[in-house]
C-alpha atoms as a PDB file:
ATOM      1  CA  UNK A   1     -11.353 -13.638   9.268  1.00  0.00           C
ATOM      2  CA  UNK A   2     -12.012 -16.455   6.596  1.00  0.00           C
ATOM      3  CA  UNK A   3     -12.539 -15.468   3.245  1.00  0.00           C
ATOM      4  CA  UNK A   4     -14.541 -16.700   0.402  1.00  0.00           C
ATOM      5  CA  UNK A   5     -12.856 -18.173  -2.854  1.00  0.00           C
ATOM      6  CA  UNK A   6     -14.620 -16.103  -5.241  1.00  0.00           C
ATOM      7  CA  UNK A   7     -15.095 -17.275  -9.179  1.00  0.00           C
ATOM      8  CA  UNK A   8     -14.670 -14.697 -11.901  1.00  0.00           C
ATOM      9  CA  UNK A   9     -14.644 -14.850 -15.555  1.00  0.00           C
ATOM     10  CA  UNK A  10     -10.872 -14.376 -15.885  1.00  0.00           C
ATOM     11  CA  UNK A  11      -9.069 -12.869 -19.084  1.00  0.00           C
ATOM     12  CA  UNK A  12      -6.611 -14.694 -20.483  1.00  0.00           C
ATOM     13  CA  UNK A  13      -3.611 -12.252 -19.546  1.00  0.00           C
ATOM     14  CA  UNK A  14      -4.921 -12.835 -15.883  1.00  0.00           C
ATOM     15  CA  UNK A  15      -4.877 -16.865 -16.623  1.00  0.00           C
ATOM     16  CA  UNK A  16      -1.308 -16.525 -18.087  1.00  0.00           C
ATOM     17  CA  UNK A  17       0.127 -14.430 -14.916  1.00  0.00           C
ATOM     18  CA  UNK A  18      -1.619 -17.221 -12.301  1.00  0.00           C
ATOM     19  CA  UNK A  19       0.437 -19.823 -14.677  1.00  0.00           C
ATOM     20  CA  UNK A  20       3.662 -17.520 -14.171  1.00  0.00           C
ATOM     21  CA  UNK A  21       3.110 -17.393 -10.492  1.00  0.00           C
ATOM     22  CA  UNK A  22       2.771 -21.152 -10.296  1.00  0.00           C
ATOM     23  CA  UNK A  23       5.964 -21.826 -12.433  1.00  0.00           C
ATOM     24  CA  UNK A  24       7.955 -19.290 -10.795  1.00  0.00           C
ATOM     25  CA  UNK A  25       6.955 -19.893  -7.272  1.00  0.00           C
ATOM     26  CA  UNK A  26       5.775 -23.278  -6.923  1.00  0.00           C
ATOM     27  CA  UNK A  27       2.478 -22.034  -5.579  1.00  0.00           C
ATOM     28  CA  UNK A  28      -0.847 -20.858  -6.836  1.00  0.00           C
ATOM     29  CA  UNK A  29      -2.518 -17.421  -6.684  1.00  0.00           C
ATOM     30  CA  UNK A  30      -5.884 -17.480  -5.451  1.00  0.00           C
ATOM     31  CA  UNK A  31      -8.681 -14.440  -5.427  1.00  0.00           C
ATOM     32  CA  UNK A  32     -10.922 -14.346  -2.137  1.00  0.00           C
ATOM     33  CA  UNK A  33     -13.518 -12.065  -1.192  1.00  0.00           C
ATOM     34  CA  UNK A  34     -12.757 -11.371   2.469  1.00  0.00           C
ATOM     35  CA  UNK A  35     -14.808  -9.076   5.223  1.00  0.00           C
ATOM     36  CA  UNK A  36     -12.778  -6.914   7.609  1.00  0.00           C
ATOM     37  CA  UNK A  37      -9.142  -6.889   6.194  1.00  0.00           C
ATOM     38  CA  UNK A  38      -8.801  -3.240   6.954  1.00  0.00           C
ATOM     39  CA  UNK A  39      -8.186  -2.272   3.227  1.00  0.00           C
ATOM     40  CA  UNK A  40      -9.740  -2.454  -0.185  1.00  0.00           C
ATOM     41  CA  UNK A  41      -7.266  -5.361  -0.855  1.00  0.00           C
ATOM     42  CA  UNK A  42      -4.492  -7.203   0.625  1.00  0.00           C
ATOM     43  CA  UNK A  43      -1.874  -9.860  -0.465  1.00  0.00           C
ATOM     44  CA  UNK A  44      -0.689 -12.837   1.704  1.00  0.00           C
ATOM     45  CA  UNK A  45       2.030 -14.787   0.297  1.00  0.00           C
ATOM     46  CA  UNK A  46       2.560 -18.292   0.565  1.00  0.00           C
ATOM     47  CA  UNK A  47       4.419 -19.358   3.556  1.00  0.00           C
ATOM     48  CA  UNK A  48       3.305 -19.247   7.695  1.00  0.00           C
ATOM     49  CA  UNK A  49      -0.378 -18.126   6.517  1.00  0.00           C
ATOM     50  CA  UNK A  50      -1.092 -20.854   3.849  1.00  0.00           C
ATOM     51  CA  UNK A  51      -0.084 -22.871   1.007  1.00  0.00           C
ATOM     52  CA  UNK A  52      -0.841 -20.301  -1.635  1.00  0.00           C
ATOM     53  CA  UNK A  53      -0.519 -16.748  -2.225  1.00  0.00           C
ATOM     54  CA  UNK A  54      -3.941 -15.340  -1.623  1.00  0.00           C
ATOM     55  CA  UNK A  55      -5.173 -11.807  -3.018  1.00  0.00           C
ATOM     56  CA  UNK A  56      -8.220 -10.527  -0.604  1.00  0.00           C
ATOM     57  CA  UNK A  57     -10.690  -7.843  -1.535  1.00  0.00           C
ATOM     58  CA  UNK A  58     -13.798  -6.655   0.352  1.00  0.00           C
ATOM     59  CA  UNK A  59     -16.973  -6.728  -0.965  1.00  0.00           C
ATOM     60  CA  UNK A  60     -17.153  -3.330  -1.588  1.00  0.00           C
ATOM     61  CA  UNK A  61     -14.508  -3.405  -4.484  1.00  0.00           C
ATOM     62  CA  UNK A  62     -15.866  -6.683  -6.011  1.00  0.00           C
ATOM     63  CA  UNK A  63     -15.771  -4.854  -9.514  1.00  0.00           C
ATOM     64  CA  UNK A  64     -12.154  -4.658  -9.174  1.00  0.00           C
ATOM     65  CA  UNK A  65     -11.195  -7.925  -8.697  1.00  0.00           C
ATOM     66  CA  UNK A  66      -9.563  -9.184 -11.913  1.00  0.00           C
ATOM     67  CA  UNK A  67      -7.398  -6.010 -11.145  1.00  0.00           C
ATOM     68  CA  UNK A  68      -6.506  -6.896  -7.851  1.00  0.00           C
ATOM     69  CA  UNK A  69      -5.543 -10.261  -8.944  1.00  0.00           C
ATOM     70  CA  UNK A  70      -3.286  -8.915 -11.778  1.00  0.00           C
ATOM     71  CA  UNK A  71      -1.640  -6.577  -9.460  1.00  0.00           C
ATOM     72  CA  UNK A  72      -1.065  -9.166  -6.829  1.00  0.00           C
ATOM     73  CA  UNK A  73       0.594 -11.505  -9.252  1.00  0.00           C
ATOM     74  CA  UNK A  74       2.847  -8.774 -10.571  1.00  0.00           C
ATOM     75  CA  UNK A  75       3.815  -8.063  -6.948  1.00  0.00           C
ATOM     76  CA  UNK A  76       4.515 -11.779  -6.341  1.00  0.00           C
ATOM     77  CA  UNK A  77       6.619 -12.343  -9.466  1.00  0.00           C
ATOM     78  CA  UNK A  78       8.744  -9.341  -8.462  1.00  0.00           C
ATOM     79  CA  UNK A  79       9.719 -10.558  -5.428  1.00  0.00           C
ATOM     80  CA  UNK A  80      10.464 -14.030  -6.727  1.00  0.00           C
ATOM     81  CA  UNK A  81      12.512 -12.297  -9.694  1.00  0.00           C
ATOM     82  CA  UNK A  82      15.347 -11.461  -7.106  1.00  0.00           C
ATOM     83  CA  UNK A  83      17.821 -13.887  -5.357  1.00  0.00           C
ATOM     84  CA  UNK A  84      16.315 -15.736  -2.788  1.00  0.00           C
ATOM     85  CA  UNK A  85      18.652 -14.225  -0.410  1.00  0.00           C
ATOM     86  CA  UNK A  86      17.477 -10.669  -1.412  1.00  0.00           C
ATOM     87  CA  UNK A  87      13.907 -11.781  -0.633  1.00  0.00           C
ATOM     88  CA  UNK A  88      13.163  -9.143   2.294  1.00  0.00           C
ATOM     89  CA  UNK A  89       9.659  -8.023   3.428  1.00  0.00           C
ATOM     90  CA  UNK A  90       9.082  -4.904   5.840  1.00  0.00           C
ATOM     91  CA  UNK A  91       7.807  -5.962   9.312  1.00  0.00           C
ATOM     92  CA  UNK A  92       7.219  -4.765  12.560  1.00  0.00           C
ATOM     93  CA  UNK A  93       6.573  -5.754  16.341  1.00  0.00           C
ATOM     94  CA  UNK A  94       2.413  -6.173  16.916  1.00  0.00           C
ATOM     95  CA  UNK A  95       2.756  -4.626  20.108  1.00  0.00           C
ATOM     96  CA  UNK A  96       4.561  -1.581  18.857  1.00  0.00           C
ATOM     97  CA  UNK A  97       3.073   2.053  18.742  1.00  0.00           C
ATOM     98  CA  UNK A  98       4.255   5.483  18.634  1.00  0.00           C
ATOM     99  CA  UNK A  99       7.303   6.674  19.732  1.00  0.00           C
ATOM    100  CA  UNK A 100       7.461   8.879  22.863  1.00  0.00           C
ATOM    101  CA  UNK A 101       7.454  12.259  21.091  1.00  0.00           C
ATOM    102  CA  UNK A 102       4.226  11.196  18.812  1.00  0.00           C
ATOM    103  CA  UNK A 103       2.432   9.725  21.807  1.00  0.00           C
ATOM    104  CA  UNK A 104       2.998  12.881  23.859  1.00  0.00           C
ATOM    105  CA  UNK A 105       1.604  14.795  21.299  1.00  0.00           C
ATOM    106  CA  UNK A 106      -1.471  12.341  21.154  1.00  0.00           C
ATOM    107  CA  UNK A 107      -1.920  12.719  24.959  1.00  0.00           C
ATOM    108  CA  UNK A 108      -2.298  16.574  24.666  1.00  0.00           C
ATOM    109  CA  UNK A 109      -4.868  16.177  21.614  1.00  0.00           C
ATOM    110  CA  UNK A 110      -6.888  13.528  23.110  1.00  0.00           C
ATOM    111  CA  UNK A 111      -6.662  14.293  26.872  1.00  0.00           C
ATOM    112  CA  UNK A 112     -10.161  13.028  27.268  1.00  0.00           C
ATOM    113  CA  UNK A 113      -9.311   9.784  26.636  1.00  0.00           C
ATOM    114  CA  UNK A 114      -8.129   7.141  28.871  1.00  0.00           C
ATOM    115  CA  UNK A 115      -4.341   6.370  29.028  1.00  0.00           C
ATOM    116  CA  UNK A 116      -4.936   2.531  28.254  1.00  0.00           C
ATOM    117  CA  UNK A 117      -7.051   3.504  25.084  1.00  0.00           C
ATOM    118  CA  UNK A 118      -4.421   5.589  23.797  1.00  0.00           C
ATOM    119  CA  UNK A 119      -1.051   3.544  24.064  1.00  0.00           C
ATOM    120  CA  UNK A 120      -3.042   0.017  23.579  1.00  0.00           C
ATOM    121  CA  UNK A 121      -5.278   0.766  21.100  1.00  0.00           C
ATOM    122  CA  UNK A 122      -5.011   4.229  19.441  1.00  0.00           C
ATOM    123  CA  UNK A 123      -1.308   4.585  19.173  1.00  0.00           C
ATOM    124  CA  UNK A 124      -0.581   1.114  18.001  1.00  0.00           C
ATOM    125  CA  UNK A 125      -3.549   1.598  15.196  1.00  0.00           C
ATOM    126  CA  UNK A 126      -1.845   5.089  14.129  1.00  0.00           C
ATOM    127  CA  UNK A 127       1.664   3.471  14.044  1.00  0.00           C
ATOM    128  CA  UNK A 128       0.878   0.355  12.244  1.00  0.00           C
ATOM    129  CA  UNK A 129      -1.265   2.308   9.694  1.00  0.00           C
ATOM    130  CA  UNK A 130       1.194   4.832   8.827  1.00  0.00           C
ATOM    131  CA  UNK A 131       4.071   1.947   8.423  1.00  0.00           C
ATOM    132  CA  UNK A 132       1.724  -0.059   6.180  1.00  0.00           C
ATOM    133  CA  UNK A 133       1.091   2.889   3.805  1.00  0.00           C
ATOM    134  CA  UNK A 134       4.663   3.834   3.999  1.00  0.00           C
ATOM    135  CA  UNK A 135       5.460   0.344   2.974  1.00  0.00           C
ATOM    136  CA  UNK A 136       3.156  -0.178   0.329  1.00  0.00           C
ATOM    137  CA  UNK A 137       2.518   2.918  -1.472  1.00  0.00           C
ATOM    138  CA  UNK A 138       5.770   3.596  -3.381  1.00  0.00           C
ATOM    139  CA  UNK A 139       5.585  -0.169  -4.219  1.00  0.00           C
ATOM    140  CA  UNK A 140       1.755   0.161  -5.674  1.00  0.00           C
ATOM    141  CA  UNK A 141       2.806   3.175  -7.422  1.00  0.00           C
ATOM    142  CA  UNK A 142       5.727   1.447  -9.138  1.00  0.00           C
ATOM    143  CA  UNK A 143       3.515  -1.548  -9.852  1.00  0.00           C
ATOM    144  CA  UNK A 144       0.578   0.035 -11.219  1.00  0.00           C
ATOM    145  CA  UNK A 145       3.147   1.905 -13.495  1.00  0.00           C
ATOM    146  CA  UNK A 146       4.651  -1.114 -14.701  1.00  0.00           C
ATOM    147  CA  UNK A 147       1.288  -2.880 -15.148  1.00  0.00           C
ATOM    148  CA  UNK A 148       0.133   0.301 -17.412  1.00  0.00           C
ATOM    149  CA  UNK A 149       3.647   0.007 -19.469  1.00  0.00           C
ATOM    150  CA  UNK A 150       3.380  -4.041 -20.088  1.00  0.00           C
ATOM    151  CA  UNK A 151      -0.155  -4.904 -20.155  1.00  0.00           C
ATOM    152  CA  UNK A 152      -2.154  -2.241 -22.340  1.00  0.00           C
ATOM    153  CA  UNK A 153      -5.117  -4.745 -22.781  1.00  0.00           C
ATOM    154  CA  UNK A 154      -5.584  -4.335 -18.952  1.00  0.00           C
ATOM    155  CA  UNK A 155      -5.940  -0.644 -18.911  1.00  0.00           C
ATOM    156  CA  UNK A 156      -9.730  -0.391 -18.972  1.00  0.00           C
ATOM    157  CA  UNK A 157      -9.840  -2.586 -16.000  1.00  0.00           C
ATOM    158  CA  UNK A 158      -6.986  -0.694 -14.355  1.00  0.00           C
ATOM    159  CA  UNK A 159      -8.042   2.849 -15.010  1.00  0.00           C
ATOM    160  CA  UNK A 160     -11.677   2.158 -13.301  1.00  0.00           C
ATOM    161  CA  UNK A 161      -9.556   0.965 -10.450  1.00  0.00           C
ATOM    162  CA  UNK A 162      -7.384   3.865 -10.167  1.00  0.00           C
ATOM    163  CA  UNK A 163     -10.124   6.442 -10.568  1.00  0.00           C
ATOM    164  CA  UNK A 164     -12.306   4.780  -7.608  1.00  0.00           C
ATOM    165  CA  UNK A 165      -8.964   4.786  -5.553  1.00  0.00           C
ATOM    166  CA  UNK A 166      -8.107   8.386  -5.748  1.00  0.00           C
ATOM    167  CA  UNK A 167     -11.910   9.520  -5.500  1.00  0.00           C
ATOM    168  CA  UNK A 168     -11.692   7.240  -2.226  1.00  0.00           C
ATOM    169  CA  UNK A 169      -8.646   8.995  -0.887  1.00  0.00           C
ATOM    170  CA  UNK A 170     -10.221  12.565  -1.096  1.00  0.00           C
ATOM    171  CA  UNK A 171     -11.878  12.533   2.422  1.00  0.00           C
ATOM    172  CA  UNK A 172      -8.335  11.624   3.766  1.00  0.00           C
ATOM    173  CA  UNK A 173      -7.470  15.315   3.117  1.00  0.00           C
ATOM    174  CA  UNK A 174     -10.068  16.557   5.605  1.00  0.00           C
ATOM    175  CA  UNK A 175      -8.046  18.933   7.943  1.00  0.00           C
ATOM    176  CA  UNK A 176     -10.377  17.501  10.966  1.00  0.00           C
ATOM    177  CA  UNK A 177      -8.277  13.964  10.807  1.00  0.00           C
ATOM    178  CA  UNK A 178      -5.432  16.144  12.120  1.00  0.00           C
ATOM    179  CA  UNK A 179      -7.177  16.670  15.132  1.00  0.00           C
ATOM    180  CA  UNK A 180      -6.806  13.086  16.416  1.00  0.00           C
ATOM    181  CA  UNK A 181      -3.137  12.404  14.715  1.00  0.00           C
ATOM    182  CA  UNK A 182       0.108  13.638  15.905  1.00  0.00           C
ATOM    183  CA  UNK A 183       1.410  16.395  13.324  1.00  0.00           C
ATOM    184  CA  UNK A 184       4.378  14.232  11.816  1.00  0.00           C
ATOM    185  CA  UNK A 185       1.932  11.287  11.099  1.00  0.00           C
ATOM    186  CA  UNK A 186      -0.621  13.679   9.336  1.00  0.00           C
ATOM    187  CA  UNK A 187       1.876  15.311   6.852  1.00  0.00           C
ATOM    188  CA  UNK A 188       3.387  12.299   6.113  1.00  0.00           C
ATOM    189  CA  UNK A 189       0.435  10.393   5.399  1.00  0.00           C
ATOM    190  CA  UNK A 190      -1.120  13.216   3.375  1.00  0.00           C
ATOM    191  CA  UNK A 191       1.917  13.800   1.480  1.00  0.00           C
ATOM    192  CA  UNK A 192       1.882   9.958   0.365  1.00  0.00           C
ATOM    193  CA  UNK A 193      -1.795  10.470  -0.709  1.00  0.00           C
ATOM    194  CA  UNK A 194      -0.528  13.143  -2.786  1.00  0.00           C
ATOM    195  CA  UNK A 195       1.521  11.454  -4.423  1.00  0.00           C
ATOM    196  CA  UNK A 196      -0.352   8.243  -5.011  1.00  0.00           C
ATOM    197  CA  UNK A 197      -3.573  10.810  -6.420  1.00  0.00           C
ATOM    198  CA  UNK A 198      -1.219  12.494  -8.757  1.00  0.00           C
ATOM    199  CA  UNK A 199       0.487   9.477 -10.293  1.00  0.00           C
ATOM    200  CA  UNK A 200      -2.711   7.586 -10.332  1.00  0.00           C
ATOM    201  CA  UNK A 201      -4.342  10.693 -12.095  1.00  0.00           C
ATOM    202  CA  UNK A 202      -1.774  10.798 -14.514  1.00  0.00           C
ATOM    203  CA  UNK A 203      -2.011   7.194 -15.396  1.00  0.00           C
ATOM    204  CA  UNK A 204      -5.644   7.724 -16.031  1.00  0.00           C
ATOM    205  CA  UNK A 205      -5.562  11.031 -17.896  1.00  0.00           C
ATOM    206  CA  UNK A 206      -7.581  12.775 -15.126  1.00  0.00           C
ATOM    207  CA  UNK A 207      -7.147  15.673 -13.185  1.00  0.00           C
ATOM    208  CA  UNK A 208      -6.698  15.540  -9.572  1.00  0.00           C
ATOM    209  CA  UNK A 209      -9.081  17.011  -7.105  1.00  0.00           C
ATOM    210  CA  UNK A 210      -8.772  20.583  -5.853  1.00  0.00           C
ATOM    211  CA  UNK A 211      -8.021  19.222  -2.238  1.00  0.00           C
ATOM    212  CA  UNK A 212      -5.146  17.299  -3.628  1.00  0.00           C
ATOM    213  CA  UNK A 213      -3.393  20.386  -5.423  1.00  0.00           C
ATOM    214  CA  UNK A 214      -3.807  23.055  -2.329  1.00  0.00           C
ATOM    215  CA  UNK A 215      -2.824  20.720   0.851  1.00  0.00           C
ATOM    216  CA  UNK A 216      -0.283  22.337   2.957  1.00  0.00           C
ATOM    217  CA  UNK A 217       1.749  19.028   2.805  1.00  0.00           C
ATOM    218  CA  UNK A 218       1.973  19.231  -1.258  1.00  0.00           C
ATOM    219  CA  UNK A 219       5.481  20.263  -1.077  1.00  0.00           C
ATOM    220  CA  UNK A 220       6.665  17.130   0.959  1.00  0.00           C
ATOM    221  CA  UNK A 221       4.338  14.856  -1.674  1.00  0.00           C
ATOM    222  CA  UNK A 222       6.351  16.654  -4.172  1.00  0.00           C
ATOM    223  CA  UNK A 223       9.856  15.693  -2.413  1.00  0.00           C
ATOM    224  CA  UNK A 224       8.512  12.286  -2.130  1.00  0.00           C
ATOM    225  CA  UNK A 225       7.462  12.077  -5.934  1.00  0.00           C
ATOM    226  CA  UNK A 226      10.670  13.197  -6.757  1.00  0.00           C
ATOM    227  CA  UNK A 227      12.486  10.567  -4.573  1.00  0.00           C
ATOM    228  CA  UNK A 228      10.133   7.784  -6.092  1.00  0.00           C
ATOM    229  CA  UNK A 229      10.908   8.934  -9.734  1.00  0.00           C
ATOM    230  CA  UNK A 230      15.223   9.183  -8.704  1.00  0.00           C
ATOM    231  CA  UNK A 231      15.142   5.404  -8.495  1.00  0.00           C
ATOM    232  CA  UNK A 232      16.718   3.778 -11.386  1.00  0.00           C
ATOM    233  CA  UNK A 233      16.310   0.165 -10.294  1.00  0.00           C
ATOM    234  CA  UNK A 234      13.701  -1.955 -11.719  1.00  0.00           C
ATOM    235  CA  UNK A 235      11.490  -4.420  -9.627  1.00  0.00           C
ATOM    236  CA  UNK A 236      11.935  -5.368  -6.382  1.00  0.00           C
ATOM    237  CA  UNK A 237      15.245  -4.187  -5.670  1.00  0.00           C
ATOM    238  CA  UNK A 238      13.868  -0.693  -6.652  1.00  0.00           C
ATOM    239  CA  UNK A 239      10.978  -0.909  -4.775  1.00  0.00           C
ATOM    240  CA  UNK A 240      12.875  -1.368  -1.696  1.00  0.00           C
ATOM    241  CA  UNK A 241      15.202   1.616  -2.307  1.00  0.00           C
ATOM    242  CA  UNK A 242      12.059   3.711  -2.949  1.00  0.00           C
ATOM    243  CA  UNK A 243      10.546   2.821   0.192  1.00  0.00           C
ATOM    244  CA  UNK A 244      13.807   3.342   2.220  1.00  0.00           C
ATOM    245  CA  UNK A 245      13.926   6.912   0.593  1.00  0.00           C
ATOM    246  CA  UNK A 246      10.786   7.807   1.685  1.00  0.00           C
ATOM    247  CA  UNK A 247      11.300   6.527   5.232  1.00  0.00           C
ATOM    248  CA  UNK A 248      13.975   8.886   5.278  1.00  0.00           C
ATOM    249  CA  UNK A 249      12.214  11.997   3.679  1.00  0.00           C
ATOM    250  CA  UNK A 250       9.019  11.782   6.381  1.00  0.00           C
ATOM    251  CA  UNK A 251      11.729  10.912   9.361  1.00  0.00           C
ATOM    252  CA  UNK A 252      10.342   7.354   9.924  1.00  0.00           C
ATOM    253  CA  UNK A 253      13.731   5.602   9.376  1.00  0.00           C
ATOM    254  CA  UNK A 254      13.377   2.355  11.958  1.00  0.00           C
ATOM    255  CA  UNK A 255       9.848   2.069  12.075  1.00  0.00           C
ATOM    256  CA  UNK A 256      10.180  -0.942  10.304  1.00  0.00           C
ATOM    257  CA  UNK A 257      12.517  -3.463   9.456  1.00  0.00           C
ATOM    258  CA  UNK A 258      13.501  -5.540   6.428  1.00  0.00           C
ATOM    259  CA  UNK A 259      13.276  -9.455   7.501  1.00  0.00           C
ATOM    260  CA  UNK A 260      14.323 -12.279   5.266  1.00  0.00           C
ATOM    261  CA  UNK A 261      11.135 -14.215   3.848  1.00  0.00           C
ATOM    262  CA  UNK A 262      12.481 -17.340   5.087  1.00  0.00           C
END
């Protein structure tokens, strides 16, 4: 869906980051409000989808536009900081759905739904959703920590967004979700949300909600957090290492592949 370029009163540090992106990549980074992207924000790199890097966000998160721009700029710069031959992005086949064992479990749980809907719609939705979570959450956490370390002037805006995101993730811990989700996916998704909520709560100095501390998948979340902090490599190289470590921990190796940007 076509987005609307949004005009914000940008602080000087955000303008400086935009200049850095242009100088380093040869392409501008733009911020746009966009309906129907499926997430609070989405970064599209310059290339096949357009001549500029584009940070889109939904209207409900308009108050956090500056933070989305800062985070997007950091992510672009991380990728361009590695040698060109090492710039890989996670990718999946559009038509791919859940593996056979997870699809079979989905059939047992949702036997009242027609087979076509299960395979063509729900299976693909769940598969691509968990892959995006797996390939974005470790990076998001590492980038937010980098911003907190390097850009203290941005802390009020960052804290406001992180606190909102933690609140918005709390409904994802509802036990009703597992009724239409294969157990492996539910466990992995919940554990990743545990790490995100605890990391962001720590950055903002808040205490995670009880539902985050008491979920039965907290142990898996703790192992994921250990894998995250075990990565010593900085920047995008470390992002990829952390993502692969999480894929192994949740049993989802091979659910995506790294492809060269070019």
